[in-house]
Amino acid sequence: MAGGIHCRPLFKESTDMGLFRKILDFLDNRLEMTICIALMSVLSVVLFIQVFFRYVLGASLSWSEELARYMFIWLVYIGIAYGCKVMRHIKIDAGLYLFPKKARKYVVIIGDVIFFFFAIAIVYYSWGLEQKQIMFGQLSPAMQIPMWIPYGAPLVGFALTAIRELETIIYRIKHLKEADEDKPLDLENL
């Protein structure tokens, strides 16, 4: 257009929506696993370098153990969210089998709801802790990174956990009618 402003639409139906869907698919299906793989890989490399420096070169790195510790903390909290996503957290089956067969699927959902509210409580309290860390401006001893970064792990991890647990609750409620009482109850995929 001569003399006019030409704006590209935000989403082209064929390409941009496909990219948008790919991004959403990644966030929904591979976010936690990708973060865990990256953290575990870097953690392994950092620890290998630390062992090499300490035992082969006779000199220790000042930052490697601190970095490994903080990465492990993040790995644990993101791993909790991944465990919720794939519905593979440890459950005590002995307690569940105290209930009648017909009630067990509801007990599992009640347990998920309790864990959802626990995750929300952790997010709430870790948000307050995160704000204090930002306000105080405390730095880590070896790497001098702001301490709100390691303290952010529970906030991010349990926020993801709450989202994944809500997805699990919705999934289990939608599939209640599909559970056949004659078959053994598959609690992981209910």
N, C-alpha and C. Protein backbone atom coordinates (compact mmCIF):
# COMPACT_ATOMS: atom_id res chain seq x y z
N MET A 1 0.84 -1.18 0.00
CA MET A 1 0.00 0.00 0.00
C MET A 1 0.88 1.24 0.00
N ALA A 2 0.67 2.08 -0.99
CA ALA A 2 1.46 3.29 -1.10
C ALA A 2 0.97 4.30 -0.08
N GLY A 3 1.86 4.79 0.75
CA GLY A 3 1.54 5.83 1.70
C GLY A 3 0.77 5.35 2.92
N GLY A 4 0.29 4.13 2.95
CA GLY A 4 -0.47 3.63 4.09
C GLY A 4 0.36 2.73 4.98
N ILE A 5 -0.18 2.42 6.12
CA ILE A 5 0.49 1.52 7.05
C ILE A 5 0.00 0.11 6.77
N HIS A 6 0.95 -0.78 6.59
CA HIS A 6 0.60 -2.17 6.31
C HIS A 6 0.95 -2.99 7.56
N CYS A 7 -0.04 -3.59 8.16
CA CYS A 7 0.17 -4.41 9.36
C CYS A 7 -0.07 -5.87 9.02
N ARG A 8 0.82 -6.70 9.51
CA ARG A 8 0.66 -8.14 9.35
C ARG A 8 -0.28 -8.62 10.43
N PRO A 9 -1.24 -9.48 10.10
CA PRO A 9 -2.13 -10.01 11.14
C PRO A 9 -1.33 -10.80 12.17
N LEU A 10 -1.84 -10.82 13.41
CA LEU A 10 -1.14 -11.52 14.48
C LEU A 10 -0.98 -13.01 14.20
N PHE A 11 -2.03 -13.65 13.71
CA PHE A 11 -1.97 -15.08 13.44
C PHE A 11 -2.41 -15.35 12.02
N LYS A 12 -1.51 -15.93 11.26
CA LYS A 12 -1.93 -16.47 9.96
C LYS A 12 -2.57 -17.80 10.26
N GLU A 13 -3.63 -18.11 9.58
CA GLU A 13 -4.35 -19.34 9.90
C GLU A 13 -3.49 -20.57 9.71
N SER A 14 -2.65 -20.59 8.70
CA SER A 14 -1.92 -21.82 8.42
C SER A 14 -0.62 -21.94 9.21
N THR A 15 0.21 -20.90 9.21
CA THR A 15 1.53 -21.06 9.81
C THR A 15 1.60 -20.61 11.26
N ASP A 16 1.10 -19.43 11.58
CA ASP A 16 1.24 -18.93 12.94
C ASP A 16 0.42 -19.75 13.93
N MET A 17 -0.78 -20.14 13.58
CA MET A 17 -1.56 -20.97 14.50
C MET A 17 -0.89 -22.32 14.70
N GLY A 18 -0.24 -22.82 13.66
CA GLY A 18 0.50 -24.06 13.82
C GLY A 18 1.65 -23.88 14.80
N LEU A 19 2.35 -22.77 14.72
CA LEU A 19 3.44 -22.48 15.64
C LEU A 19 2.89 -22.28 17.05
N PHE A 20 1.80 -21.56 17.17
CA PHE A 20 1.17 -21.34 18.46
C PHE A 20 0.76 -22.66 19.10
N ARG A 21 0.19 -23.55 18.29
CA ARG A 21 -0.20 -24.87 18.81
C ARG A 21 1.02 -25.69 19.20
N LYS A 22 2.11 -25.55 18.45
CA LYS A 22 3.34 -26.27 18.80
C LYS A 22 3.89 -25.77 20.13
N ILE A 23 3.83 -24.47 20.34
CA ILE A 23 4.31 -23.91 21.60
C ILE A 23 3.44 -24.40 22.75
N LEU A 24 2.13 -24.36 22.58
CA LEU A 24 1.23 -24.87 23.62
C LEU A 24 1.43 -26.35 23.87
N ASP A 25 1.66 -27.11 22.80
CA ASP A 25 1.91 -28.54 22.94
C ASP A 25 3.20 -28.78 23.74
N PHE A 26 4.23 -27.99 23.44
CA PHE A 26 5.48 -28.12 24.19
C PHE A 26 5.27 -27.80 25.66
N LEU A 27 4.58 -26.69 25.94
CA LEU A 27 4.33 -26.30 27.32
C LEU A 27 3.51 -27.34 28.06
N ASP A 28 2.55 -27.93 27.37
CA ASP A 28 1.67 -28.90 28.02
C ASP A 28 2.32 -30.28 28.16
N ASN A 29 3.06 -30.70 27.17
CA ASN A 29 3.54 -32.08 27.16
C ASN A 29 5.01 -32.27 27.51
N ARG A 30 5.84 -31.25 27.30
CA ARG A 30 7.27 -31.49 27.47
C ARG A 30 8.00 -30.47 28.34
N LEU A 31 7.32 -29.54 28.94
CA LEU A 31 7.98 -28.47 29.71
C LEU A 31 8.79 -29.03 30.87
N GLU A 32 8.14 -29.74 31.77
CA GLU A 32 8.83 -30.23 32.96
C GLU A 32 9.94 -31.21 32.61
N MET A 33 9.67 -32.12 31.66
CA MET A 33 10.70 -33.10 31.29
C MET A 33 11.92 -32.41 30.69
N THR A 34 11.71 -31.42 29.85
CA THR A 34 12.83 -30.70 29.23
C THR A 34 13.65 -29.98 30.29
N ILE A 35 12.98 -29.31 31.22
CA ILE A 35 13.70 -28.61 32.28
C ILE A 35 14.47 -29.61 33.15
N CYS A 36 13.86 -30.72 33.50
CA CYS A 36 14.54 -31.74 34.32
C CYS A 36 15.75 -32.33 33.61
N ILE A 37 15.60 -32.61 32.32
CA ILE A 37 16.74 -33.15 31.56
C ILE A 37 17.87 -32.14 31.49
N ALA A 38 17.54 -30.87 31.24
CA ALA A 38 18.58 -29.84 31.17
C ALA A 38 19.27 -29.67 32.52
N LEU A 39 18.49 -29.62 33.60
CA LEU A 39 19.08 -29.46 34.93
C LEU A 39 19.96 -30.65 35.29
N MET A 40 19.48 -31.86 35.02
CA MET A 40 20.26 -33.06 35.35
C MET A 40 21.54 -33.14 34.52
N SER A 41 21.45 -32.74 33.26
CA SER A 41 22.64 -32.78 32.41
C SER A 41 23.69 -31.79 32.88
N VAL A 42 23.29 -30.56 33.12
CA VAL A 42 24.25 -29.54 33.57
C VAL A 42 24.77 -29.90 34.96
N LEU A 43 23.89 -30.40 35.81
CA LEU A 43 24.30 -30.83 37.15
C LEU A 43 25.38 -31.91 37.07
N SER A 44 25.20 -32.87 36.20
CA SER A 44 26.19 -33.95 36.04
C SER A 44 27.52 -33.41 35.54
N VAL A 45 27.47 -32.50 34.58
CA VAL A 45 28.71 -31.92 34.04
C VAL A 45 29.43 -31.11 35.11
N VAL A 46 28.70 -30.30 35.85
CA VAL A 46 29.30 -29.48 36.91
C VAL A 46 29.94 -30.36 37.97
N LEU A 47 29.25 -31.41 38.38
CA LEU A 47 29.82 -32.31 39.40
C LEU A 47 31.04 -33.07 38.86
N PHE A 48 30.99 -33.46 37.59
CA PHE A 48 32.16 -34.13 37.00
C PHE A 48 33.36 -33.18 36.98
N ILE A 49 33.13 -31.95 36.60
CA ILE A 49 34.22 -30.97 36.59
C ILE A 49 34.77 -30.75 37.99
N GLN A 50 33.88 -30.67 38.97
CA GLN A 50 34.31 -30.48 40.36
C GLN A 50 35.17 -31.67 40.82
N VAL A 51 34.74 -32.88 40.54
CA VAL A 51 35.51 -34.07 40.92
C VAL A 51 36.85 -34.08 40.21
N PHE A 52 36.87 -33.74 38.93
CA PHE A 52 38.12 -33.69 38.17
C PHE A 52 39.08 -32.67 38.78
N PHE A 53 38.58 -31.49 39.06
CA PHE A 53 39.44 -30.46 39.63
C PHE A 53 39.95 -30.86 41.01
N ARG A 54 39.09 -31.45 41.82
CA ARG A 54 39.47 -31.77 43.20
C ARG A 54 40.46 -32.92 43.26
N TYR A 55 40.20 -34.01 42.51
CA TYR A 55 41.02 -35.21 42.66
C TYR A 55 42.13 -35.34 41.64
N VAL A 56 42.00 -34.72 40.49
CA VAL A 56 43.06 -34.81 39.48
C VAL A 56 43.99 -33.61 39.56
N LEU A 57 43.42 -32.43 39.62
CA LEU A 57 44.25 -31.22 39.64
C LEU A 57 44.59 -30.75 41.05
N GLY A 58 43.90 -31.29 42.05
CA GLY A 58 44.20 -30.93 43.43
C GLY A 58 43.70 -29.56 43.83
N ALA A 59 42.82 -28.97 43.04
CA ALA A 59 42.25 -27.66 43.37
C ALA A 59 40.73 -27.75 43.24
N SER A 60 40.05 -27.16 44.19
CA SER A 60 38.59 -27.22 44.18
C SER A 60 38.01 -25.92 43.66
N LEU A 61 36.89 -26.04 42.96
CA LEU A 61 36.19 -24.85 42.48
C LEU A 61 35.27 -24.34 43.59
N SER A 62 35.22 -23.04 43.76
CA SER A 62 34.43 -22.48 44.85
C SER A 62 32.93 -22.44 44.55
N TRP A 63 32.57 -22.42 43.31
CA TRP A 63 31.17 -22.20 42.92
C TRP A 63 30.43 -23.48 42.56
N SER A 64 31.13 -24.56 42.27
CA SER A 64 30.48 -25.73 41.68
C SER A 64 29.51 -26.43 42.64
N GLU A 65 29.88 -26.57 43.90
CA GLU A 65 28.99 -27.25 44.84
C GLU A 65 27.73 -26.43 45.10
N GLU A 66 27.87 -25.12 45.16
CA GLU A 66 26.70 -24.26 45.36
C GLU A 66 25.77 -24.33 44.15
N LEU A 67 26.34 -24.28 42.96
CA LEU A 67 25.53 -24.37 41.75
C LEU A 67 24.83 -25.73 41.70
N ALA A 68 25.55 -26.80 42.00
CA ALA A 68 24.95 -28.14 41.99
C ALA A 68 23.80 -28.23 43.00
N ARG A 69 24.00 -27.65 44.17
CA ARG A 69 22.96 -27.67 45.21
C ARG A 69 21.70 -26.95 44.73
N TYR A 70 21.85 -25.78 44.16
CA TYR A 70 20.69 -25.01 43.70
C TYR A 70 20.01 -25.68 42.51
N MET A 71 20.80 -26.27 41.63
CA MET A 71 20.20 -26.97 40.49
C MET A 71 19.44 -28.20 40.96
N PHE A 72 19.97 -28.88 41.97
CA PHE A 72 19.27 -30.06 42.50
C PHE A 72 17.95 -29.65 43.14
N ILE A 73 17.95 -28.53 43.85
CA ILE A 73 16.71 -28.04 44.46
C ILE A 73 15.67 -27.77 43.38
N TRP A 74 16.07 -27.08 42.30
CA TRP A 74 15.15 -26.81 41.21
C TRP A 74 14.68 -28.11 40.56
N LEU A 75 15.59 -29.06 40.40
CA LEU A 75 15.24 -30.35 39.80
C LEU A 75 14.17 -31.07 40.62
N VAL A 76 14.29 -31.04 41.92
CA VAL A 76 13.31 -31.70 42.79
C VAL A 76 11.94 -31.06 42.64
N TYR A 77 11.88 -29.75 42.69
CA TYR A 77 10.57 -29.09 42.63
C TYR A 77 9.92 -29.19 41.26
N ILE A 78 10.69 -29.12 40.20
CA ILE A 78 10.12 -29.31 38.86
C ILE A 78 9.73 -30.78 38.69
N GLY A 79 10.51 -31.68 39.28
CA GLY A 79 10.18 -33.11 39.22
C GLY A 79 8.87 -33.45 39.92
N ILE A 80 8.53 -32.71 40.98
CA ILE A 80 7.24 -32.92 41.63
C ILE A 80 6.11 -32.64 40.65
N ALA A 81 6.24 -31.54 39.90
CA ALA A 81 5.22 -31.20 38.91
C ALA A 81 5.14 -32.27 37.82
N TYR A 82 6.30 -32.77 37.40
CA TYR A 82 6.30 -33.82 36.37
C TYR A 82 5.63 -35.09 36.90
N GLY A 83 5.89 -35.43 38.15
CA GLY A 83 5.24 -36.60 38.75
C GLY A 83 3.73 -36.46 38.77
N CYS A 84 3.25 -35.24 39.03
CA CYS A 84 1.80 -35.01 38.99
C CYS A 84 1.27 -35.13 37.57
N LYS A 85 2.03 -34.64 36.61
CA LYS A 85 1.58 -34.69 35.23
C LYS A 85 1.37 -36.12 34.76
N VAL A 86 2.30 -37.00 35.10
CA VAL A 86 2.21 -38.39 34.64
C VAL A 86 1.49 -39.28 35.66
N MET A 87 0.98 -38.69 36.74
CA MET A 87 0.23 -39.40 37.78
C MET A 87 1.02 -40.57 38.35
N ARG A 88 2.27 -40.33 38.71
CA ARG A 88 3.13 -41.39 39.22
C ARG A 88 3.71 -41.08 40.59
N HIS A 89 3.02 -40.30 41.39
CA HIS A 89 3.52 -40.04 42.73
C HIS A 89 3.24 -41.24 43.63
N ILE A 90 4.03 -41.36 44.64
CA ILE A 90 3.89 -42.47 45.59
C ILE A 90 2.58 -42.33 46.34
N LYS A 91 1.84 -43.41 46.37
CA LYS A 91 0.58 -43.45 47.12
C LYS A 91 0.63 -44.67 48.04
N ILE A 92 -0.07 -44.58 49.13
CA ILE A 92 -0.13 -45.71 50.06
C ILE A 92 -1.38 -46.52 49.72
N ASP A 93 -1.18 -47.60 49.00
CA ASP A 93 -2.29 -48.43 48.55
C ASP A 93 -2.97 -49.17 49.71
N ALA A 94 -2.22 -49.48 50.74
CA ALA A 94 -2.80 -50.23 51.86
C ALA A 94 -3.96 -49.45 52.48
N GLY A 95 -3.80 -48.15 52.63
CA GLY A 95 -4.87 -47.33 53.18
C GLY A 95 -6.05 -47.24 52.23
N LEU A 96 -5.77 -47.20 50.94
CA LEU A 96 -6.83 -47.12 49.95
C LEU A 96 -7.69 -48.38 49.94
N TYR A 97 -7.07 -49.53 50.16
CA TYR A 97 -7.81 -50.79 50.13
C TYR A 97 -8.66 -51.02 51.37
N LEU A 98 -8.61 -50.11 52.32
CA LEU A 98 -9.51 -50.17 53.47
C LEU A 98 -10.93 -49.73 53.08
N PHE A 99 -11.02 -49.00 51.97
CA PHE A 99 -12.32 -48.51 51.50
C PHE A 99 -12.97 -49.53 50.57
N PRO A 100 -14.29 -49.51 50.47
CA PRO A 100 -14.97 -50.42 49.53
C PRO A 100 -14.53 -50.11 48.09
N LYS A 101 -14.60 -51.12 47.22
CA LYS A 101 -14.15 -50.96 45.84
C LYS A 101 -14.79 -49.78 45.14
N LYS A 102 -16.08 -49.60 45.33
CA LYS A 102 -16.79 -48.53 44.64
C LYS A 102 -16.36 -47.15 45.11
N ALA A 103 -15.86 -47.04 46.32
CA ALA A 103 -15.48 -45.74 46.87
C ALA A 103 -14.03 -45.37 46.55
N ARG A 104 -13.21 -46.33 46.16
CA ARG A 104 -11.78 -46.08 45.99
C ARG A 104 -11.46 -45.00 44.96
N LYS A 105 -12.18 -45.01 43.85
CA LYS A 105 -11.89 -44.00 42.83
C LYS A 105 -12.21 -42.60 43.33
N TYR A 106 -13.20 -42.49 44.21
CA TYR A 106 -13.53 -41.19 44.80
C TYR A 106 -12.50 -40.78 45.85
N VAL A 107 -11.99 -41.75 46.58
CA VAL A 107 -10.96 -41.47 47.57
C VAL A 107 -9.69 -40.96 46.89
N VAL A 108 -9.37 -41.53 45.73
CA VAL A 108 -8.20 -41.06 44.98
C VAL A 108 -8.39 -39.61 44.56
N ILE A 109 -9.58 -39.26 44.11
CA ILE A 109 -9.86 -37.88 43.71
C ILE A 109 -9.80 -36.95 44.92
N ILE A 110 -10.32 -37.39 46.05
CA ILE A 110 -10.24 -36.58 47.27
C ILE A 110 -8.78 -36.33 47.65
N GLY A 111 -7.96 -37.36 47.53
CA GLY A 111 -6.52 -37.21 47.79
C GLY A 111 -5.89 -36.21 46.85
N ASP A 112 -6.29 -36.24 45.58
CA ASP A 112 -5.77 -35.27 44.61
C ASP A 112 -6.20 -33.85 44.96
N VAL A 113 -7.44 -33.70 45.41
CA VAL A 113 -7.93 -32.37 45.79
C VAL A 113 -7.16 -31.84 47.00
N ILE A 114 -6.91 -32.71 47.97
CA ILE A 114 -6.13 -32.29 49.15
C ILE A 114 -4.73 -31.87 48.72
N PHE A 115 -4.10 -32.64 47.84
CA PHE A 115 -2.76 -32.29 47.38
C PHE A 115 -2.78 -30.99 46.57
N PHE A 116 -3.84 -30.76 45.81
CA PHE A 116 -3.99 -29.50 45.06
C PHE A 116 -3.99 -28.32 46.03
N PHE A 117 -4.77 -28.41 47.10
CA PHE A 117 -4.82 -27.31 48.06
C PHE A 117 -3.50 -27.16 48.82
N PHE A 118 -2.81 -28.27 49.06
CA PHE A 118 -1.47 -28.20 49.65
C PHE A 118 -0.53 -27.43 48.73
N ALA A 119 -0.57 -27.73 47.43
CA ALA A 119 0.29 -27.04 46.46
C ALA A 119 -0.04 -25.54 46.42
N ILE A 120 -1.32 -25.20 46.48
CA ILE A 120 -1.72 -23.78 46.50
C ILE A 120 -1.18 -23.10 47.76
N ALA A 121 -1.23 -23.79 48.90
CA ALA A 121 -0.70 -23.21 50.15
C ALA A 121 0.81 -22.98 50.04
N ILE A 122 1.53 -23.93 49.46
CA ILE A 122 2.97 -23.76 49.28
C ILE A 122 3.25 -22.58 48.36
N VAL A 123 2.49 -22.42 47.29
CA VAL A 123 2.66 -21.28 46.39
C VAL A 123 2.43 -19.98 47.14
N TYR A 124 1.39 -19.94 47.94
CA TYR A 124 1.06 -18.73 48.70
C TYR A 124 2.21 -18.35 49.65
N TYR A 125 2.68 -19.30 50.44
CA TYR A 125 3.73 -18.99 51.42
C TYR A 125 5.09 -18.77 50.75
N SER A 126 5.37 -19.48 49.69
CA SER A 126 6.65 -19.27 49.01
C SER A 126 6.66 -17.93 48.28
N TRP A 127 5.49 -17.44 47.86
CA TRP A 127 5.42 -16.10 47.26
C TRP A 127 5.85 -15.04 48.28
N GLY A 128 5.39 -15.17 49.53
CA GLY A 128 5.80 -14.23 50.58
C GLY A 128 7.29 -14.31 50.84
N LEU A 129 7.82 -15.53 50.88
CA LEU A 129 9.26 -15.71 51.08
C LEU A 129 10.05 -15.13 49.92
N GLU A 130 9.54 -15.32 48.72
CA GLU A 130 10.21 -14.79 47.52
C GLU A 130 10.26 -13.26 47.56
N GLN A 131 9.16 -12.64 47.97
CA GLN A 131 9.14 -11.18 48.07
C GLN A 131 10.15 -10.67 49.09
N LYS A 132 10.28 -11.37 50.21
CA LYS A 132 11.26 -10.97 51.23
C LYS A 132 12.68 -11.11 50.70
N GLN A 133 12.95 -12.18 49.95
CA GLN A 133 14.29 -12.37 49.40
C GLN A 133 14.63 -11.27 48.40
N ILE A 134 13.67 -10.87 47.61
CA ILE A 134 13.91 -9.78 46.65
C ILE A 134 14.14 -8.48 47.40
N MET A 135 13.36 -8.23 48.46
CA MET A 135 13.48 -7.01 49.23
C MET A 135 14.83 -6.92 49.96
N PHE A 136 15.27 -8.04 50.54
CA PHE A 136 16.53 -8.03 51.29
C PHE A 136 17.75 -7.98 50.38
N GLY A 137 17.63 -8.51 49.18
CA GLY A 137 18.74 -8.48 48.25
C GLY A 137 19.91 -9.38 48.64
N GLN A 138 19.64 -10.42 49.39
CA GLN A 138 20.70 -11.34 49.83
C GLN A 138 21.32 -12.05 48.64
N LEU A 139 22.64 -12.24 48.69
CA LEU A 139 23.37 -12.93 47.63
C LEU A 139 23.93 -14.25 48.17
N SER A 140 24.09 -15.21 47.27
CA SER A 140 24.66 -16.50 47.68
C SER A 140 26.15 -16.32 47.98
N PRO A 141 26.70 -17.16 48.86
CA PRO A 141 28.09 -16.96 49.29
C PRO A 141 29.13 -17.12 48.18
N ALA A 142 29.04 -18.14 47.38
CA ALA A 142 30.10 -18.42 46.41
C ALA A 142 29.88 -17.74 45.06
N MET A 143 28.68 -17.85 44.53
CA MET A 143 28.44 -17.36 43.17
C MET A 143 27.92 -15.94 43.14
N GLN A 144 27.49 -15.41 44.29
CA GLN A 144 26.96 -14.06 44.39
C GLN A 144 25.73 -13.84 43.52
N ILE A 145 24.89 -14.88 43.39
CA ILE A 145 23.63 -14.72 42.67
C ILE A 145 22.56 -14.34 43.69
N PRO A 146 21.53 -13.63 43.27
CA PRO A 146 20.46 -13.28 44.21
C PRO A 146 19.80 -14.55 44.76
N MET A 147 19.56 -14.55 46.07
CA MET A 147 18.99 -15.74 46.70
C MET A 147 17.53 -15.96 46.35
N TRP A 148 16.89 -14.99 45.71
CA TRP A 148 15.51 -15.22 45.29
C TRP A 148 15.46 -16.25 44.17
N ILE A 149 16.58 -16.49 43.49
CA ILE A 149 16.59 -17.50 42.42
C ILE A 149 16.45 -18.90 43.00
N PRO A 150 17.29 -19.31 43.96
CA PRO A 150 17.04 -20.64 44.54
C PRO A 150 15.75 -20.72 45.34
N TYR A 151 15.38 -19.62 46.01
CA TYR A 151 14.14 -19.62 46.79
C TYR A 151 12.90 -19.61 45.88
N GLY A 152 13.08 -19.37 44.61
CA GLY A 152 11.96 -19.40 43.67
C GLY A 152 11.55 -20.79 43.26
N ALA A 153 12.37 -21.78 43.56
CA ALA A 153 12.08 -23.16 43.15
C ALA A 153 10.75 -23.68 43.71
N PRO A 154 10.47 -23.52 45.01
CA PRO A 154 9.16 -23.99 45.50
C PRO A 154 7.99 -23.25 44.86
N LEU A 155 8.16 -21.95 44.64
CA LEU A 155 7.09 -21.16 44.03
C LEU A 155 6.77 -21.67 42.63
N VAL A 156 7.79 -21.79 41.80
CA VAL A 156 7.57 -22.25 40.42
C VAL A 156 7.16 -23.72 40.39
N GLY A 157 7.86 -24.55 41.16
CA GLY A 157 7.56 -25.98 41.16
C GLY A 157 6.14 -26.29 41.61
N PHE A 158 5.71 -25.66 42.71
CA PHE A 158 4.36 -25.95 43.20
C PHE A 158 3.28 -25.23 42.42
N ALA A 159 3.61 -24.12 41.74
CA ALA A 159 2.64 -23.52 40.83
C ALA A 159 2.38 -24.47 39.66
N LEU A 160 3.45 -25.04 39.11
CA LEU A 160 3.28 -26.05 38.06
C LEU A 160 2.55 -27.28 38.60
N THR A 161 2.88 -27.67 39.83
CA THR A 161 2.23 -28.82 40.45
C THR A 161 0.73 -28.58 40.60
N ALA A 162 0.35 -27.39 41.03
CA ALA A 162 -1.07 -27.07 41.18
C ALA A 162 -1.80 -27.16 39.85
N ILE A 163 -1.16 -26.65 38.80
CA ILE A 163 -1.76 -26.73 37.45
C ILE A 163 -1.91 -28.19 37.03
N ARG A 164 -0.86 -28.97 37.20
CA ARG A 164 -0.90 -30.38 36.81
C ARG A 164 -1.88 -31.18 37.66
N GLU A 165 -1.97 -30.84 38.93
CA GLU A 165 -2.90 -31.56 39.81
C GLU A 165 -4.34 -31.23 39.43
N LEU A 166 -4.60 -29.99 39.06
CA LEU A 166 -5.93 -29.61 38.60
C LEU A 166 -6.28 -30.36 37.32
N GLU A 167 -5.32 -30.49 36.41
CA GLU A 167 -5.54 -31.29 35.19
C GLU A 167 -5.85 -32.74 35.55
N THR A 168 -5.13 -33.29 36.52
CA THR A 168 -5.35 -34.68 36.94
C THR A 168 -6.75 -34.85 37.53
N ILE A 169 -7.17 -33.92 38.37
CA ILE A 169 -8.50 -34.00 38.97
C ILE A 169 -9.57 -33.98 37.88
N ILE A 170 -9.45 -33.06 36.95
CA ILE A 170 -10.42 -32.97 35.85
C ILE A 170 -10.43 -34.25 35.04
N TYR A 171 -9.24 -34.78 34.74
CA TYR A 171 -9.13 -36.03 33.98
C TYR A 171 -9.83 -37.18 34.72
N ARG A 172 -9.56 -37.31 36.00
CA ARG A 172 -10.14 -38.42 36.77
C ARG A 172 -11.66 -38.29 36.87
N ILE A 173 -12.15 -37.06 37.04
CA ILE A 173 -13.60 -36.86 37.12
C ILE A 173 -14.26 -37.20 35.78
N LYS A 174 -13.64 -36.79 34.68
CA LYS A 174 -14.20 -37.09 33.36
C LYS A 174 -14.23 -38.58 33.08
N HIS A 175 -13.30 -39.33 33.65
CA HIS A 175 -13.20 -40.76 33.36
C HIS A 175 -13.77 -41.64 34.47
N LEU A 176 -14.54 -41.07 35.37
CA LEU A 176 -15.16 -41.88 36.43
C LEU A 176 -16.11 -42.92 35.87
N LYS A 177 -16.89 -42.54 34.88
CA LYS A 177 -17.89 -43.45 34.32
C LYS A 177 -17.25 -44.58 33.54
N GLU A 178 -16.03 -44.38 33.06
CA GLU A 178 -15.35 -45.41 32.28
C GLU A 178 -14.78 -46.51 33.15
N ALA A 179 -14.64 -46.24 34.45
CA ALA A 179 -14.08 -47.25 35.35
C ALA A 179 -15.07 -48.39 35.51
N ASP A 180 -14.66 -49.58 35.12
CA ASP A 180 -15.52 -50.76 35.20
C ASP A 180 -15.24 -51.46 36.53
N GLU A 181 -16.27 -51.71 37.31
CA GLU A 181 -16.10 -52.29 38.63
C GLU A 181 -15.65 -53.74 38.59
N ASP A 182 -15.85 -54.46 37.47
CA ASP A 182 -15.44 -55.85 37.40
C ASP A 182 -13.95 -56.00 37.18
N LYS A 183 -13.33 -55.00 36.57
CA LYS A 183 -11.89 -55.04 36.31
C LYS A 183 -11.14 -54.55 37.55
N PRO A 184 -9.88 -54.96 37.71
CA PRO A 184 -9.09 -54.38 38.78
C PRO A 184 -8.95 -52.87 38.56
N LEU A 185 -8.99 -52.13 39.63
CA LEU A 185 -8.95 -50.68 39.54
C LEU A 185 -7.53 -50.22 39.24
N ASP A 186 -7.35 -49.55 38.10
CA ASP A 186 -6.06 -48.98 37.73
C ASP A 186 -6.04 -47.53 38.21
N LEU A 187 -5.51 -47.32 39.39
CA LEU A 187 -5.57 -46.01 40.01
C LEU A 187 -4.68 -44.99 39.30
N GLU A 188 -3.65 -45.45 38.65
CA GLU A 188 -2.74 -44.54 37.96
C GLU A 188 -3.38 -43.91 36.76
N ASN A 189 -4.25 -44.62 36.07
CA ASN A 189 -4.83 -44.10 34.85
C ASN A 189 -6.31 -43.78 34.99
N LEU A 190 -6.81 -43.71 36.21
CA LEU A 190 -8.20 -43.38 36.43
C LEU A 190 -8.40 -41.89 36.24
